[in-house]
Each structure stands twice: as structure tokens, then as C-alpha cells.
């Protein structure tokens, strides 16, 4: 009788351990799902930030073009002044 009770106890302990492992696995999946849900909820904010960054990046070539043109204009003006001064002597 005692041996039968010990076997029953071992069986129930094994079942309990298995149930605890299943519960732990489910909790881990739930935690991961919560993290993903949190990330998805932030997506509109991230999308807006990315749009702003993209807009800023598309303006860079235009600003660079304007800066280069101004620099070329200045160089052209200096060359004109130098040529005028050298021919005027």
C-alpha cells in the first residue's frame, strides 16, 4: 500500500512539474506577445519619424546644390575681379 502511494505521489509530482513547464512556456509566449504588441503600437510614431527623416534627407541634395552654386558664383566673381584688376594695370 505504501509503495502504491509513493508511486502515485511520484506520478503526481511528475504531472505537476510538466504542468509548471507548460505554464512557464505559455508565460514566455505571452511576454513575447506583449513585447510585439508594444512594438506594433509604436509603429505609427516610428513611421512618422521615418517620414520626417526621409523628408530631411531629400532636402540635403537641394541644399548642397544651392551651396555649390553660391560657391561657384563667388569664385566666378573673384575671377572676374582679378581679371579686371590685371587688365586694368
PDB file of N, CA and C in Angstrom:
ATOM      1  N   UNK A   1       0.827  -1.199   0.000  1.00  0.00           N
ATOM      2  CA  UNK A   1       0.000   0.000   0.000  1.00  0.00           C
ATOM      3  C   UNK A   1       0.865   1.253   0.000  1.00  0.00           C
ATOM      4  N   UNK A   2       1.897   1.243   0.823  1.00  0.00           N
ATOM      5  CA  UNK A   2       2.801   2.382   0.926  1.00  0.00           C
ATOM      6  C   UNK A   2       3.514   2.634  -0.411  1.00  0.00           C
ATOM      7  N   UNK A   3       3.918   1.550  -1.059  1.00  0.00           N
ATOM      8  CA  UNK A   3       4.599   1.654  -2.342  1.00  0.00           C
ATOM      9  C   UNK A   3       3.672   2.237  -3.402  1.00  0.00           C
ATOM     10  N   UNK A   4       2.435   1.840  -3.367  1.00  0.00           N
ATOM     11  CA  UNK A   4       1.442   2.358  -4.308  1.00  0.00           C
ATOM     12  C   UNK A   4       1.236   3.864  -4.095  1.00  0.00           C
ATOM     13  N   UNK A   5       1.210   4.299  -2.847  1.00  0.00           N
ATOM     14  CA  UNK A   5       1.066   5.733  -2.552  1.00  0.00           C
ATOM     15  C   UNK A   5       2.286   6.514  -3.018  1.00  0.00           C
ATOM     16  N   UNK A   6       3.467   5.931  -2.858  1.00  0.00           N
ATOM     17  CA  UNK A   6       4.687   6.601  -3.318  1.00  0.00           C
ATOM     18  C   UNK A   6       4.698   6.738  -4.831  1.00  0.00           C
ATOM     19  N   UNK A   7       4.263   5.694  -5.522  1.00  0.00           N
ATOM     20  CA  UNK A   7       4.179   5.761  -6.985  1.00  0.00           C
ATOM     21  C   UNK A   7       3.176   6.830  -7.423  1.00  0.00           C
ATOM     22  N   UNK A   8       2.058   6.859  -6.741  1.00  0.00           N
ATOM     23  CA  UNK A   8       1.032   7.876  -7.054  1.00  0.00           C
ATOM     24  C   UNK A   8       1.591   9.273  -6.809  1.00  0.00           C
ATOM     25  N   UNK A   9       2.321   9.440  -5.722  1.00  0.00           N
ATOM     26  CA  UNK A   9       2.927  10.732  -5.396  1.00  0.00           C
ATOM     27  C   UNK A   9       3.954  11.132  -6.458  1.00  0.00           C
ATOM     28  N   UNK A  10       4.801  10.179  -6.872  1.00  0.00           N
ATOM     29  CA  UNK A  10       5.789  10.466  -7.917  1.00  0.00           C
ATOM     30  C   UNK A  10       5.098  10.838  -9.228  1.00  0.00           C
ATOM     31  N   UNK A  11       4.052  10.104  -9.538  1.00  0.00           N
ATOM     32  CA  UNK A  11       3.293  10.390 -10.755  1.00  0.00           C
ATOM     33  C   UNK A  11       2.706  11.802 -10.714  1.00  0.00           C
ATOM     34  N   UNK A  12       2.135  12.158  -9.603  1.00  0.00           N
ATOM     35  CA  UNK A  12       1.525  13.497  -9.472  1.00  0.00           C
ATOM     36  C   UNK A  12       2.588  14.591  -9.471  1.00  0.00           C
ATOM     37  N   UNK A  13       3.733  14.317  -8.854  1.00  0.00           N
ATOM     38  CA  UNK A  13       4.829  15.299  -8.883  1.00  0.00           C
ATOM     39  C   UNK A  13       5.330  15.503 -10.309  1.00  0.00           C
ATOM     40  N   UNK A  14       5.435  14.399 -11.058  1.00  0.00           N
ATOM     41  CA  UNK A  14       5.848  14.494 -12.464  1.00  0.00           C
ATOM     42  C   UNK A  14       4.824  15.293 -13.269  1.00  0.00           C
ATOM     43  N   UNK A  15       3.545  15.040 -13.017  1.00  0.00           N
ATOM     44  CA  UNK A  15       2.497  15.800 -13.708  1.00  0.00           C
ATOM     45  C   UNK A  15       2.560  17.281 -13.340  1.00  0.00           C
ATOM     46  N   UNK A  16       2.798  17.542 -12.064  1.00  0.00           N
ATOM     47  CA  UNK A  16       2.890  18.921 -11.598  1.00  0.00           C
ATOM     48  C   UNK A  16       4.079  19.632 -12.260  1.00  0.00           C
ATOM     49  N   UNK A  17       5.211  18.941 -12.334  1.00  0.00           N
ATOM     50  CA  UNK A  17       6.395  19.519 -12.969  1.00  0.00           C
ATOM     51  C   UNK A  17       6.122  19.811 -14.443  1.00  0.00           C
ATOM     52  N   UNK A  18       5.499  18.865 -15.119  1.00  0.00           N
ATOM     53  CA  UNK A  18       5.148  19.052 -16.525  1.00  0.00           C
ATOM     54  C   UNK A  18       4.200  20.239 -16.693  1.00  0.00           C
ATOM     55  N   UNK A  19       3.223  20.346 -15.812  1.00  0.00           N
ATOM     56  CA  UNK A  19       2.268  21.459 -15.865  1.00  0.00           C
ATOM     57  C   UNK A  19       2.976  22.788 -15.620  1.00  0.00           C
ATOM     58  N   UNK A  20       3.932  22.807 -14.693  1.00  0.00           N
ATOM     59  CA  UNK A  20       4.696  24.026 -14.415  1.00  0.00           C
ATOM     60  C   UNK A  20       5.523  24.431 -15.634  1.00  0.00           C
ATOM     61  N   UNK A  21       6.122  23.445 -16.327  1.00  0.00           N
ATOM     62  CA  UNK A  21       6.897  23.740 -17.527  1.00  0.00           C
ATOM     63  C   UNK A  21       6.006  24.302 -18.623  1.00  0.00           C
ATOM     64  N   UNK A  22       4.824  23.706 -18.775  1.00  0.00           N
ATOM     65  CA  UNK A  22       3.876  24.216 -19.774  1.00  0.00           C
ATOM     66  C   UNK A  22       3.449  25.635 -19.430  1.00  0.00           C
ATOM     67  N   UNK A  23       3.180  25.878 -18.154  1.00  0.00           N
ATOM     68  CA  UNK A  23       2.774  27.215 -17.712  1.00  0.00           C
ATOM     69  C   UNK A  23       3.885  28.231 -17.979  1.00  0.00           C
ATOM     70  N   UNK A  24       5.134  27.826 -17.700  1.00  0.00           N
ATOM     71  CA  UNK A  24       6.276  28.710 -17.943  1.00  0.00           C
ATOM     72  C   UNK A  24       6.402  29.030 -19.434  1.00  0.00           C
ATOM     73  N   UNK A  25       6.248  28.013 -20.285  1.00  0.00           N
ATOM     74  CA  UNK A  25       6.333  28.226 -21.732  1.00  0.00           C
ATOM     75  C   UNK A  25       5.230  29.163 -22.212  1.00  0.00           C
ATOM     76  N   UNK A  26       4.031  28.976 -21.691  1.00  0.00           N
ATOM     77  CA  UNK A  26       2.910  29.853 -22.068  1.00  0.00           C
ATOM     78  C   UNK A  26       3.176  31.279 -21.598  1.00  0.00           C
ATOM     79  N   UNK A  27       3.718  31.438 -20.400  1.00  0.00           N
ATOM     80  CA  UNK A  27       4.029  32.771 -19.877  1.00  0.00           C
ATOM     81  C   UNK A  27       5.084  33.460 -20.735  1.00  0.00           C
ATOM     82  N   UNK A  28       6.095  32.692 -21.173  1.00  0.00           N
ATOM     83  CA  UNK A  28       7.131  33.267 -22.035  1.00  0.00           C
ATOM     84  C   UNK A  28       6.537  33.720 -23.365  1.00  0.00           C
ATOM     85  N   UNK A  29       5.641  32.912 -23.928  1.00  0.00           N
ATOM     86  CA  UNK A  29       4.982  33.306 -25.177  1.00  0.00           C
ATOM     87  C   UNK A  29       4.111  34.538 -24.971  1.00  0.00           C
ATOM     88  N   UNK A  30       3.447  34.595 -23.836  1.00  0.00           N
ATOM     89  CA  UNK A  30       2.618  35.762 -23.517  1.00  0.00           C
ATOM     90  C   UNK A  30       3.488  37.015 -23.390  1.00  0.00           C
ATOM     91  N   UNK A  31       4.624  36.882 -22.722  1.00  0.00           N
ATOM     92  CA  UNK A  31       5.538  38.020 -22.579  1.00  0.00           C
ATOM     93  C   UNK A  31       6.043  38.490 -23.942  1.00  0.00           C
ATOM     94  N   UNK A  32       6.402  37.539 -24.799  1.00  0.00           N
ATOM     95  CA  UNK A  32       6.866  37.885 -26.137  1.00  0.00           C
ATOM     96  C   UNK A  32       5.754  38.563 -26.933  1.00  0.00           C
ATOM     97  N   UNK A  33       4.547  38.065 -26.801  1.00  0.00           N
ATOM     98  CA  UNK A  33       3.404  38.676 -27.485  1.00  0.00           C
ATOM     99  C   UNK A  33       3.174  40.099 -26.984  1.00  0.00           C
ATOM    100  N   UNK A  34       3.317  40.316 -25.695  1.00  0.00           N
ATOM    101  CA  UNK A  34       3.174  41.661 -25.131  1.00  0.00           C
ATOM    102  C   UNK A  34       4.230  42.601 -25.704  1.00  0.00           C
ATOM    103  N   UNK A  35       5.464  42.106 -25.822  1.00  0.00           N
ATOM    104  CA  UNK A  35       6.540  42.930 -26.381  1.00  0.00           C
ATOM    105  C   UNK A  35       6.238  43.299 -27.832  1.00  0.00           C
ATOM    106  N   UNK A  36       5.782  42.312 -28.608  1.00  0.00           N
ATOM    107  CA  UNK A  36       5.454  42.576 -30.010  1.00  0.00           C
ATOM    108  C   UNK A  36       4.298  43.557 -30.124  1.00  0.00           C
ATOM    109  N   UNK A  37       3.301  43.397 -29.277  1.00  0.00           N
ATOM    110  CA  UNK A  37       2.160  44.307 -29.282  1.00  0.00           C
ATOM    111  C   UNK A  37       2.614  45.726 -28.962  1.00  0.00           C
ATOM    112  N   UNK A  38       3.514  45.850 -28.001  1.00  0.00           N
ATOM    113  CA  UNK A  38       4.061  47.155 -27.641  1.00  0.00           C
ATOM    114  C   UNK A  38       4.806  47.774 -28.821  1.00  0.00           C
ATOM    115  N   UNK A  39       5.585  46.955 -29.523  1.00  0.00           N
ATOM    116  CA  UNK A  39       6.311  47.453 -30.693  1.00  0.00           C
ATOM    117  C   UNK A  39       5.344  47.903 -31.785  1.00  0.00           C
ATOM    118  N   UNK A  40       4.313  47.094 -32.027  1.00  0.00           N
ATOM    119  CA  UNK A  40       3.339  47.452 -33.057  1.00  0.00           C
ATOM    120  C   UNK A  40       2.586  48.727 -32.699  1.00  0.00           C
ATOM    121  N   UNK A  41       2.350  48.939 -31.425  1.00  0.00           N
ATOM    122  CA  UNK A  41       1.632  50.146 -31.028  1.00  0.00           C
ATOM    123  C   UNK A  41       2.478  51.394 -31.249  1.00  0.00           C
ATOM    124  N   UNK A  42       3.795  51.230 -31.285  1.00  0.00           N
ATOM    125  CA  UNK A  42       4.693  52.370 -31.509  1.00  0.00           C
ATOM    126  C   UNK A  42       4.979  52.601 -32.984  1.00  0.00           C
ATOM    127  N   UNK A  43       4.506  51.722 -33.849  1.00  0.00           N
ATOM    128  CA  UNK A  43       4.800  51.829 -35.277  1.00  0.00           C
ATOM    129  C   UNK A  43       4.343  53.142 -35.907  1.00  0.00           C
ATOM    130  N   UNK A  44       3.149  53.654 -35.599  1.00  0.00           N
ATOM    131  CA  UNK A  44       2.768  54.940 -36.205  1.00  0.00           C
ATOM    132  C   UNK A  44       3.749  56.061 -35.846  1.00  0.00           C
ATOM    133  N   UNK A  45       4.228  56.071 -34.610  1.00  0.00           N
ATOM    134  CA  UNK A  45       5.201  57.088 -34.204  1.00  0.00           C
ATOM    135  C   UNK A  45       6.506  56.905 -34.973  1.00  0.00           C
ATOM    136  N   UNK A  46       6.929  55.657 -35.114  1.00  0.00           N
ATOM    137  CA  UNK A  46       8.159  55.373 -35.833  1.00  0.00           C
ATOM    138  C   UNK A  46       8.011  55.734 -37.307  1.00  0.00           C
ATOM    139  N   UNK A  47       6.845  55.452 -37.865  1.00  0.00           N
ATOM    140  CA  UNK A  47       6.597  55.767 -39.269  1.00  0.00           C
ATOM    141  C   UNK A  47       6.674  57.280 -39.492  1.00  0.00           C
ATOM    142  N   UNK A  48       6.090  58.042 -38.583  1.00  0.00           N
ATOM    143  CA  UNK A  48       6.130  59.497 -38.702  1.00  0.00           C
ATOM    144  C   UNK A  48       7.564  60.008 -38.607  1.00  0.00           C
ATOM    145  N   UNK A  49       8.327  59.456 -37.681  1.00  0.00           N
ATOM    146  CA  UNK A  49       9.723  59.863 -37.525  1.00  0.00           C
ATOM    147  C   UNK A  49      10.524  59.521 -38.786  1.00  0.00           C
ATOM    148  N   UNK A  50      10.286  58.347 -39.347  1.00  0.00           N
ATOM    149  CA  UNK A  50      10.985  57.961 -40.569  1.00  0.00           C
ATOM    150  C   UNK A  50      10.608  58.871 -41.741  1.00  0.00           C
ATOM    151  N   UNK A  51       9.337  59.245 -41.818  1.00  0.00           N
ATOM    152  CA  UNK A  51       8.915  60.168 -42.876  1.00  0.00           C
ATOM    153  C   UNK A  51       9.628  61.507 -42.747  1.00  0.00           C
ATOM    154  N   UNK A  52       9.746  62.002 -41.507  1.00  0.00           N
ATOM    155  CA  UNK A  52      10.436  63.268 -41.288  1.00  0.00           C
ATOM    156  C   UNK A  52      11.911  63.170 -41.660  1.00  0.00           C
ATOM    157  N   UNK A  53      12.533  62.065 -41.300  1.00  0.00           N
ATOM    158  CA  UNK A  53      13.951  61.868 -41.650  1.00  0.00           C
ATOM    159  C   UNK A  53      14.134  61.793 -43.155  1.00  0.00           C
ATOM    160  N   UNK A  54      13.238  61.065 -43.818  1.00  0.00           N
ATOM    161  CA  UNK A  54      13.315  60.950 -45.265  1.00  0.00           C
ATOM    162  C   UNK A  54      13.142  62.307 -45.928  1.00  0.00           C
ATOM    163  N   UNK A  55      12.212  63.088 -45.428  1.00  0.00           N
ATOM    164  CA  UNK A  55      11.986  64.422 -45.978  1.00  0.00           C
ATOM    165  C   UNK A  55      13.241  65.281 -45.794  1.00  0.00           C
ATOM    166  N   UNK A  56      13.868  65.193 -44.628  1.00  0.00           N
ATOM    167  CA  UNK A  56      15.097  65.957 -44.386  1.00  0.00           C
ATOM    168  C   UNK A  56      16.209  65.499 -45.322  1.00  0.00           C
ATOM    169  N   UNK A  57      16.298  64.203 -45.538  1.00  0.00           N
ATOM    170  CA  UNK A  57      17.346  63.683 -46.427  1.00  0.00           C
ATOM    171  C   UNK A  57      17.116  64.092 -47.881  1.00  0.00           C
ATOM    172  N   UNK A  58      15.861  64.174 -48.290  1.00  0.00           N
ATOM    173  CA  UNK A  58      15.598  64.580 -49.677  1.00  0.00           C
ATOM    174  C   UNK A  58      15.910  66.057 -49.891  1.00  0.00           C
ATOM    175  N   UNK A  59      15.938  66.823 -48.813  1.00  0.00           N
ATOM    176  CA  UNK A  59      16.269  68.243 -48.931  1.00  0.00           C
ATOM    177  C   UNK A  59      17.778  68.477 -48.979  1.00  0.00           C
ATOM    178  N   UNK A  60      18.558  67.512 -48.523  1.00  0.00           N
ATOM    179  CA  UNK A  60      20.016  67.671 -48.480  1.00  0.00           C
ATOM    180  C   UNK A  60      20.606  67.921 -49.870  1.00  0.00           C
ATOM    181  N   UNK A  61      20.278  67.109 -50.887  1.00  0.00           N
ATOM    182  CA  UNK A  61      20.868  67.384 -52.206  1.00  0.00           C
ATOM    183  C   UNK A  61      20.518  68.776 -52.727  1.00  0.00           C
ATOM    184  N   UNK A  62      19.292  69.218 -52.482  1.00  0.00           N
ATOM    185  CA  UNK A  62      18.877  70.545 -52.935  1.00  0.00           C
ATOM    186  C   UNK A  62      19.685  71.631 -52.238  1.00  0.00           C
ATOM    187  N   UNK A  63      19.875  71.492 -50.921  1.00  0.00           N
ATOM    188  CA  UNK A  63      20.664  72.471 -50.176  1.00  0.00           C
ATOM    189  C   UNK A  63      22.117  72.448 -50.627  1.00  0.00           C
ATOM    190  N   UNK A  64      22.635  71.239 -50.891  1.00  0.00           N
ATOM    191  CA  UNK A  64      24.011  71.104 -51.358  1.00  0.00           C
ATOM    192  C   UNK A  64      24.163  71.763 -52.721  1.00  0.00           C
ATOM    193  N   UNK A  65      23.202  71.572 -53.604  1.00  0.00           N
ATOM    194  CA  UNK A  65      23.223  72.176 -54.927  1.00  0.00           C
ATOM    195  C   UNK A  65      23.258  73.705 -54.810  1.00  0.00           C
ATOM    196  N   UNK A  66      22.420  74.264 -53.944  1.00  0.00           N
ATOM    197  CA  UNK A  66      22.392  75.706 -53.760  1.00  0.00           C
ATOM    198  C   UNK A  66      23.725  76.227 -53.204  1.00  0.00           C
ATOM    199  N   UNK A  67      24.300  75.491 -52.263  1.00  0.00           N
ATOM    200  CA  UNK A  67      25.580  75.888 -51.672  1.00  0.00           C
ATOM    201  C   UNK A  67      26.688  75.862 -52.713  1.00  0.00           C
ATOM    202  N   UNK A  68      26.721  74.820 -53.531  1.00  0.00           N
ATOM    203  CA  UNK A  68      27.739  74.719 -54.582  1.00  0.00           C
ATOM    204  C   UNK A  68      27.558  75.844 -55.583  1.00  0.00           C
ATOM    205  N   UNK A  69      26.334  76.131 -55.958  1.00  0.00           N
ATOM    206  CA  UNK A  69      26.092  77.219 -56.912  1.00  0.00           C
ATOM    207  C   UNK A  69      26.535  78.567 -56.347  1.00  0.00           C
ATOM    208  N   UNK A  70      26.254  78.814 -55.066  1.00  0.00           N
ATOM    209  CA  UNK A  70      26.693  80.070 -54.448  1.00  0.00           C
ATOM    210  C   UNK A  70      28.214  80.146 -54.427  1.00  0.00           C
ATOM    211  N   UNK A  71      28.857  79.027 -54.116  1.00  0.00           N
ATOM    212  CA  UNK A  71      30.319  78.995 -54.081  1.00  0.00           C
ATOM    213  C   UNK A  71      30.887  79.254 -55.468  1.00  0.00           C
ATOM    214  N   UNK A  72      30.292  78.648 -56.489  1.00  0.00           N
ATOM    215  CA  UNK A  72      30.754  78.866 -57.855  1.00  0.00           C
ATOM    216  C   UNK A  72      30.540  80.316 -58.277  1.00  0.00           C
ATOM    217  N   UNK A  73      29.431  80.892 -57.862  1.00  0.00           N
ATOM    218  CA  UNK A  73      29.176  82.305 -58.161  1.00  0.00           C
ATOM    219  C   UNK A  73      30.239  83.189 -57.524  1.00  0.00           C
ATOM    220  N   UNK A  74      30.589  82.901 -56.275  1.00  0.00           N
ATOM    221  CA  UNK A  74      31.623  83.679 -55.592  1.00  0.00           C
ATOM    222  C   UNK A  74      32.974  83.533 -56.285  1.00  0.00           C
ATOM    223  N   UNK A  75      33.306  82.302 -56.646  1.00  0.00           N
ATOM    224  CA  UNK A  75      34.581  82.071 -57.344  1.00  0.00           C
ATOM    225  C   UNK A  75      34.586  82.820 -58.669  1.00  0.00           C
ATOM    226  N   UNK A  76      33.469  82.747 -59.381  1.00  0.00           N
ATOM    227  CA  UNK A  76      33.367  83.471 -60.648  1.00  0.00           C
ATOM    228  C   UNK A  76      33.530  84.973 -60.442  1.00  0.00           C
ATOM    229  N   UNK A  77      32.941  85.490 -59.376  1.00  0.00           N
ATOM    230  CA  UNK A  77      33.070  86.925 -59.090  1.00  0.00           C
ATOM    231  C   UNK A  77      34.515  87.289 -58.776  1.00  0.00           C
ATOM    232  N   UNK A  78      35.198  86.454 -57.985  1.00  0.00           N
ATOM    233  CA  UNK A  78      36.604  86.720 -57.661  1.00  0.00           C
ATOM    234  C   UNK A  78      37.481  86.667 -58.909  1.00  0.00           C
ATOM    235  N   UNK A  79      37.220  85.705 -59.783  1.00  0.00           N
ATOM    236  CA  UNK A  79      38.000  85.601 -61.026  1.00  0.00           C
ATOM    237  C   UNK A  79      37.762  86.842 -61.882  1.00  0.00           C
ATOM    238  N   UNK A  80      36.510  87.279 -61.955  1.00  0.00           N
ATOM    239  CA  UNK A  80      36.192  88.478 -62.738  1.00  0.00           C
ATOM    240  C   UNK A  80      36.941  89.690 -62.189  1.00  0.00           C
ATOM    241  N   UNK A  81      36.941  89.823 -60.861  1.00  0.00           N
ATOM    242  CA  UNK A  81      37.631  90.955 -60.235  1.00  0.00           C
ATOM    243  C   UNK A  81      39.130  90.870 -60.498  1.00  0.00           C
ATOM    244  N   UNK A  82      39.689  89.678 -60.389  1.00  0.00           N
ATOM    245  CA  UNK A  82      41.132  89.509 -60.626  1.00  0.00           C
ATOM    246  C   UNK A  82      41.479  89.853 -62.070  1.00  0.00           C
ATOM    247  N   UNK A  83      40.663  89.346 -63.012  1.00  0.00           N
ATOM    248  CA  UNK A  83      40.895  89.622 -64.427  1.00  0.00           C
ATOM    249  C   UNK A  83      40.769  91.117 -64.688  1.00  0.00           C
ATOM    250  N   UNK A  84      39.779  91.757 -64.115  1.00  0.00           N
ATOM    251  CA  UNK A  84      39.581  93.200 -64.321  1.00  0.00           C
ATOM    252  C   UNK A  84      40.771  93.980 -63.765  1.00  0.00           C
ATOM    253  N   UNK A  85      41.239  93.585 -62.595  1.00  0.00           N
ATOM    254  CA  UNK A  85      42.382  94.272 -61.982  1.00  0.00           C
ATOM    255  C   UNK A  85      43.669  94.045 -62.760  1.00  0.00           C
ATOM    256  N   UNK A  86      43.821  92.842 -63.296  1.00  0.00           N
ATOM    257  CA  UNK A  86      45.066  92.549 -64.012  1.00  0.00           C
ATOM    258  C   UNK A  86      45.082  93.225 -65.379  1.00  0.00           C
ATOM    259  N   UNK A  87      43.947  93.415 -66.009  1.00  0.00           N
ATOM    260  CA  UNK A  87      43.909  94.087 -67.322  1.00  0.00           C
ATOM    261  C   UNK A  87      43.857  95.596 -67.186  1.00  0.00           C
ATOM    262  N   UNK A  88      43.488  96.038 -66.019  1.00  0.00           N
ATOM    263  CA  UNK A  88      43.376  97.473 -65.800  1.00  0.00           C
ATOM    264  C   UNK A  88      44.700  98.130 -65.484  1.00  0.00           C
ATOM    265  N   UNK A  89      45.696  97.337 -65.158  1.00  0.00           N
ATOM    266  CA  UNK A  89      47.007  97.922 -64.811  1.00  0.00           C
ATOM    267  C   UNK A  89      47.732  98.462 -65.975  1.00  0.00           C
TER     268      UNK A  89
END
